[in-house]
Protein backbone atom coordinates (compact mmCIF):
# COMPACT_ATOMS: atom_id res chain seq x y z
CA MET A 1 3.44 -21.01 -18.63
CA SER A 2 3.19 -19.69 -14.99
CA ASP A 3 5.56 -16.62 -15.96
CA ARG A 4 3.50 -16.01 -18.85
CA LEU A 5 0.26 -16.32 -16.72
CA ALA A 6 1.94 -13.91 -14.22
CA LYS A 7 2.68 -11.20 -16.87
CA LEU A 8 -0.72 -11.33 -18.05
CA VAL A 9 -2.06 -10.67 -14.60
CA LEU A 10 0.35 -7.95 -14.04
CA ALA A 11 -0.87 -6.20 -17.39
CA ALA A 12 -4.42 -6.66 -16.13
CA SER A 13 -3.82 -5.27 -12.83
CA ILE A 14 -2.07 -1.85 -14.38
CA LEU A 15 -5.21 -1.83 -16.86
CA ALA A 16 -7.73 -2.13 -13.71
CA GLY A 17 -5.57 0.31 -11.69
CA ILE A 18 -5.35 2.94 -14.39
CA SER A 19 -8.80 2.52 -15.78
CA TYR A 20 -10.50 2.62 -12.29
CA VAL A 21 -10.65 6.41 -12.57
CA ALA A 22 -12.80 6.18 -15.36
CA SER A 23 -15.54 4.79 -13.05
CA TRP A 24 -15.60 7.76 -11.08
CA ASN A 25 -17.94 9.32 -13.50
CA LEU A 26 -20.01 6.26 -14.53
CA ASN A 27 -22.58 6.29 -11.61
CA LEU A 28 -21.91 2.48 -11.33
CA PRO A 29 -23.73 0.54 -8.49
CA ILE A 30 -21.51 0.40 -5.49
CA GLY A 31 -20.84 -3.24 -5.96
CA TRP A 32 -19.57 -2.82 -9.51
CA ALA A 33 -17.35 0.12 -8.68
CA MET A 34 -15.73 -1.56 -5.73
CA THR A 35 -15.14 -4.57 -7.69
CA TRP A 36 -13.43 -2.51 -10.28
CA LYS A 37 -11.50 -0.61 -7.55
CA GLY A 38 -10.32 -4.02 -5.88
CA LEU A 39 -9.12 -5.55 -9.17
CA GLY A 40 -5.98 -3.30 -9.33
CA VAL A 41 -4.53 -4.56 -6.19
CA GLY A 42 -6.36 -7.79 -6.02
CA LEU A 43 -4.71 -8.95 -9.21
CA LEU A 44 -1.35 -8.01 -7.80
CA ALA A 45 -2.11 -10.55 -4.97
CA VAL A 46 -2.78 -13.14 -7.65
CA ARG A 47 0.52 -12.53 -9.34
CA ALA A 48 2.32 -12.58 -5.77
CA ALA A 49 0.65 -15.98 -5.15
CA LEU A 50 1.78 -17.19 -8.77
CA LYS A 51 5.31 -16.11 -7.72
CA ALA A 52 5.46 -17.32 -4.29
CA ARG A 53 8.11 -19.76 -3.53
CA ASP A 54 8.28 -19.61 0.27
CA ALA A 55 6.86 -18.05 3.36
CA ASP A 56 7.98 -14.71 2.36
CA GLY A 57 6.22 -14.95 -1.01
CA TRP A 58 3.08 -15.75 0.78
CA LEU A 59 3.47 -12.90 3.28
CA LEU A 60 3.75 -10.67 0.16
CA THR A 61 0.56 -12.06 -1.12
CA ALA A 62 -1.25 -11.50 1.99
CA VAL A 63 0.02 -7.95 2.05
CA MET A 64 -1.56 -7.26 -1.53
CA ALA A 65 -4.53 -9.36 -0.58
CA PHE A 66 -5.25 -6.94 2.56
CA GLY A 67 -4.91 -4.02 0.51
CA ALA A 68 -7.41 -4.97 -2.18
CA LEU A 69 -9.94 -5.92 0.81
CA GLY A 70 -9.11 -2.62 2.06
CA ASP A 71 -9.84 -0.97 -1.07
CA VAL A 72 -13.36 -2.80 -1.34
CA LEU A 73 -14.23 -2.23 2.44
CA LEU A 74 -13.82 1.44 2.27
CA GLY A 75 -16.62 1.81 -0.08
CA LEU A 76 -18.90 -0.96 1.20
CA ALA A 77 -18.34 -0.78 4.94
CA GLY A 78 -16.74 2.57 5.72
CA LEU A 79 -13.44 4.20 6.64
CA THR A 80 -13.00 2.42 10.03
CA VAL A 81 -13.55 -1.11 8.55
CA GLY A 82 -11.45 -0.53 5.60
CA ALA A 83 -8.77 0.78 7.73
CA VAL A 84 -8.53 -2.09 9.93
CA ALA A 85 -7.97 -4.20 6.72
CA PHE A 86 -5.18 -1.83 5.67
CA LEU A 87 -3.69 -2.03 9.17
CA ALA A 88 -3.70 -5.82 9.07
CA GLY A 89 -1.88 -5.42 5.76
CA HIS A 90 0.65 -3.16 7.28
CA LEU A 91 1.49 -5.72 10.14
CA VAL A 92 1.87 -8.40 7.83
CA ALA A 93 4.16 -6.03 5.55
CA ILE A 94 6.23 -5.33 8.70
CA ALA A 95 6.81 -8.96 9.58
CA LEU A 96 7.95 -9.38 5.88
CA TYR A 97 10.44 -6.60 5.93
CA LEU A 98 11.87 -7.50 9.36
CA ARG A 99 12.63 -10.89 8.05
CA ASN A 100 14.34 -9.21 5.23
CA ARG A 101 16.23 -6.67 7.12
CA ARG A 102 19.28 -5.01 5.28
CA PRO A 103 22.60 -6.36 6.72
CA ALA A 104 24.30 -2.98 6.76
CA LEU A 105 22.46 0.49 6.89
CA ALA A 106 23.91 3.95 6.57
CA ARG A 107 23.46 6.27 9.40
CA SER A 108 21.42 8.69 7.29
CA GLN A 109 19.06 6.10 6.19
CA GLY A 110 18.55 4.79 9.54
CA ALA A 111 17.84 8.50 10.85
CA LEU A 112 15.34 8.72 7.97
CA ALA A 113 13.47 5.56 8.95
CA VAL A 114 13.57 6.66 12.60
CA LEU A 115 12.33 10.05 11.86
CA LEU A 116 9.64 8.93 9.43
CA VAL A 117 7.52 7.29 12.33
CA PRO A 118 6.88 10.53 14.51
CA ALA A 119 6.71 12.75 11.40
CA THR A 120 3.79 10.58 10.06
CA VAL A 121 1.99 9.84 13.11
CA VAL A 122 1.98 13.86 14.12
CA THR A 123 1.07 14.78 10.57
CA ALA A 124 -1.87 12.33 10.41
CA TYR A 125 -3.05 13.52 13.82
CA VAL A 126 -3.38 17.29 13.04
CA LEU A 127 -4.91 16.84 9.52
CA PRO A 128 -8.52 15.48 10.03
CA GLY A 129 -11.22 18.13 10.52
CA ASP A 130 -13.01 15.69 12.88
CA ARG A 131 -10.90 15.87 16.00
CA ALA A 132 -12.66 13.04 17.68
CA GLY A 133 -11.41 10.82 15.12
CA ALA A 134 -7.79 12.08 15.19
CA PRO A 135 -6.71 9.56 17.70
CA GLY A 136 -7.73 6.78 15.64
CA VAL A 137 -6.09 8.05 12.69
CA ALA A 138 -2.91 8.45 14.76
CA VAL A 139 -3.12 4.80 15.77
CA TYR A 140 -3.54 3.82 12.06
CA ALA A 141 -0.72 6.12 11.08
CA LEU A 142 1.74 4.44 13.56
CA GLY A 143 1.26 1.06 11.72
CA LEU A 144 1.43 2.82 8.29
CA ALA A 145 4.64 4.63 9.47
CA VAL A 146 6.43 1.61 10.84
CA MET A 147 5.51 -0.24 7.69
CA ALA A 148 7.21 2.53 5.48
CA ALA A 149 10.34 2.54 7.83
CA THR A 150 10.86 -0.95 7.68
CA ALA A 151 10.39 -1.21 4.15
CA TRP A 152 13.01 1.51 3.82
CA THR A 153 15.58 -0.47 5.91
CA SER A 154 14.80 -3.81 4.33
CA ARG A 155 17.23 -5.41 1.78
CA PHE A 156 14.52 -5.24 -1.00
CA PRO A 157 15.18 -2.54 -3.68
CA ARG A 158 14.93 0.78 -2.11
CA HIS A 159 13.91 2.63 -5.39
CA GLN A 160 10.95 0.29 -5.39
CA VAL A 161 9.90 -1.21 -2.18
CA GLY A 162 10.90 1.86 -0.03
CA LEU A 163 9.66 4.34 -2.68
CA GLY A 164 6.41 2.45 -2.83
CA ALA A 165 5.76 2.59 0.80
CA LEU A 166 6.43 6.19 1.06
CA MET A 167 4.06 6.68 -1.93
CA PHE A 168 1.48 4.77 0.17
CA VAL A 169 2.18 6.94 3.20
CA VAL A 170 1.67 10.26 1.28
CA SER A 171 -1.49 8.82 -0.39
CA ASP A 172 -2.85 8.07 2.96
CA LEU A 173 -1.91 11.50 4.49
CA LEU A 174 -3.89 13.20 1.66
CA ILE A 175 -6.77 11.19 2.46
CA PHE A 176 -6.72 12.36 6.13
CA ALA A 177 -5.98 16.18 4.67
CA ARG A 178 -9.07 15.83 2.32
CA SER A 179 -11.21 15.51 5.47
CA GLY A 180 -9.59 18.68 6.88
CA PRO A 181 -7.64 21.54 5.14
CA LEU A 182 -7.63 20.19 1.61
CA SER A 183 -10.40 20.48 -0.60
CA PRO A 184 -11.59 17.07 -2.18
CA THR A 185 -10.93 17.97 -5.72
CA PHE A 186 -10.62 15.63 -8.61
CA ALA A 187 -6.78 16.27 -8.68
CA VAL A 188 -6.49 15.38 -5.05
CA SER A 189 -8.48 12.20 -5.69
CA LEU A 190 -6.46 11.26 -8.52
CA ALA A 191 -3.13 11.94 -6.64
CA VAL A 192 -4.69 9.62 -3.51
CA TRP A 193 -5.28 6.95 -6.04
CA GLY A 194 -2.13 7.01 -8.34
CA LEU A 195 0.20 7.20 -5.40
CA TYR A 196 -1.52 4.40 -3.63
CA TYR A 197 -2.02 1.91 -6.62
CA PHE A 198 1.48 2.57 -8.19
CA GLY A 199 3.11 2.42 -4.72
CA GLN A 200 1.54 -0.99 -4.08
CA LEU A 201 2.62 -2.04 -7.75
CA LEU A 202 6.28 -0.88 -6.87
CA ILE A 203 6.19 -2.59 -3.43
CA CYS A 204 4.90 -5.82 -5.05
CA LEU A 205 7.45 -5.96 -7.94
CA GLY A 206 10.35 -4.81 -5.89
CA ALA A 207 9.93 -7.35 -3.11
CA GLU A 208 9.14 -10.24 -5.69
CA ARG A 209 12.46 -9.16 -7.17
CA GLY A 210 14.31 -9.41 -3.97
CA LEU A 211 12.89 -12.69 -3.09
CA ALA A 212 13.62 -14.28 -6.33
CA ARG A 213 17.27 -13.22 -5.96
CA THR A 214 17.39 -15.10 -2.66
CA ALA A 215 15.78 -18.31 -4.05
CA ASP A 216 18.09 -18.32 -7.14
CA ALA A 217 21.47 -17.73 -5.02
């Protein structure tokens, strides 16, 4: 029964994540719009909770829950408050990935993870048009980049968790660019949301898969 419920929750999450784009032209009250937005990743948190078997499973649940909270707070309380929720999720994710480090890491993969951090932070710093806010963006980007680096070097499937984390990074960099050199077009907004939601989806399913293998071993 729990597996069937988890599948239904996943389907509902994907439906919510894809259909959220339709809400952009509906002029919904902010509460309704943010609820719709938060459902995509919020339901991934529900699925992670249904699948949780140990502390790592609950850490994954918290990662998704902070992501959903950040989605909602961005619209209700502003960029700074939303970023704090996302940063909390990144810190929890870092803990999860460090608890599940890859036993052996190719030199090239390790180098990629190391270079990812300064490259992301520097790029995030130079993108915003509001230079007064650039240092805060860089601080957030540091947490984001370390999250992605530790995801890449974790034992979880790299084509899911590692890729999903990189998609999250690109999504956030597009947000920073949208306040600077990049025009806030529909295509850019679609890329921001698509990369973010499907990145979170890959992270959730990939980490869930890796944790299940450990539990069944």
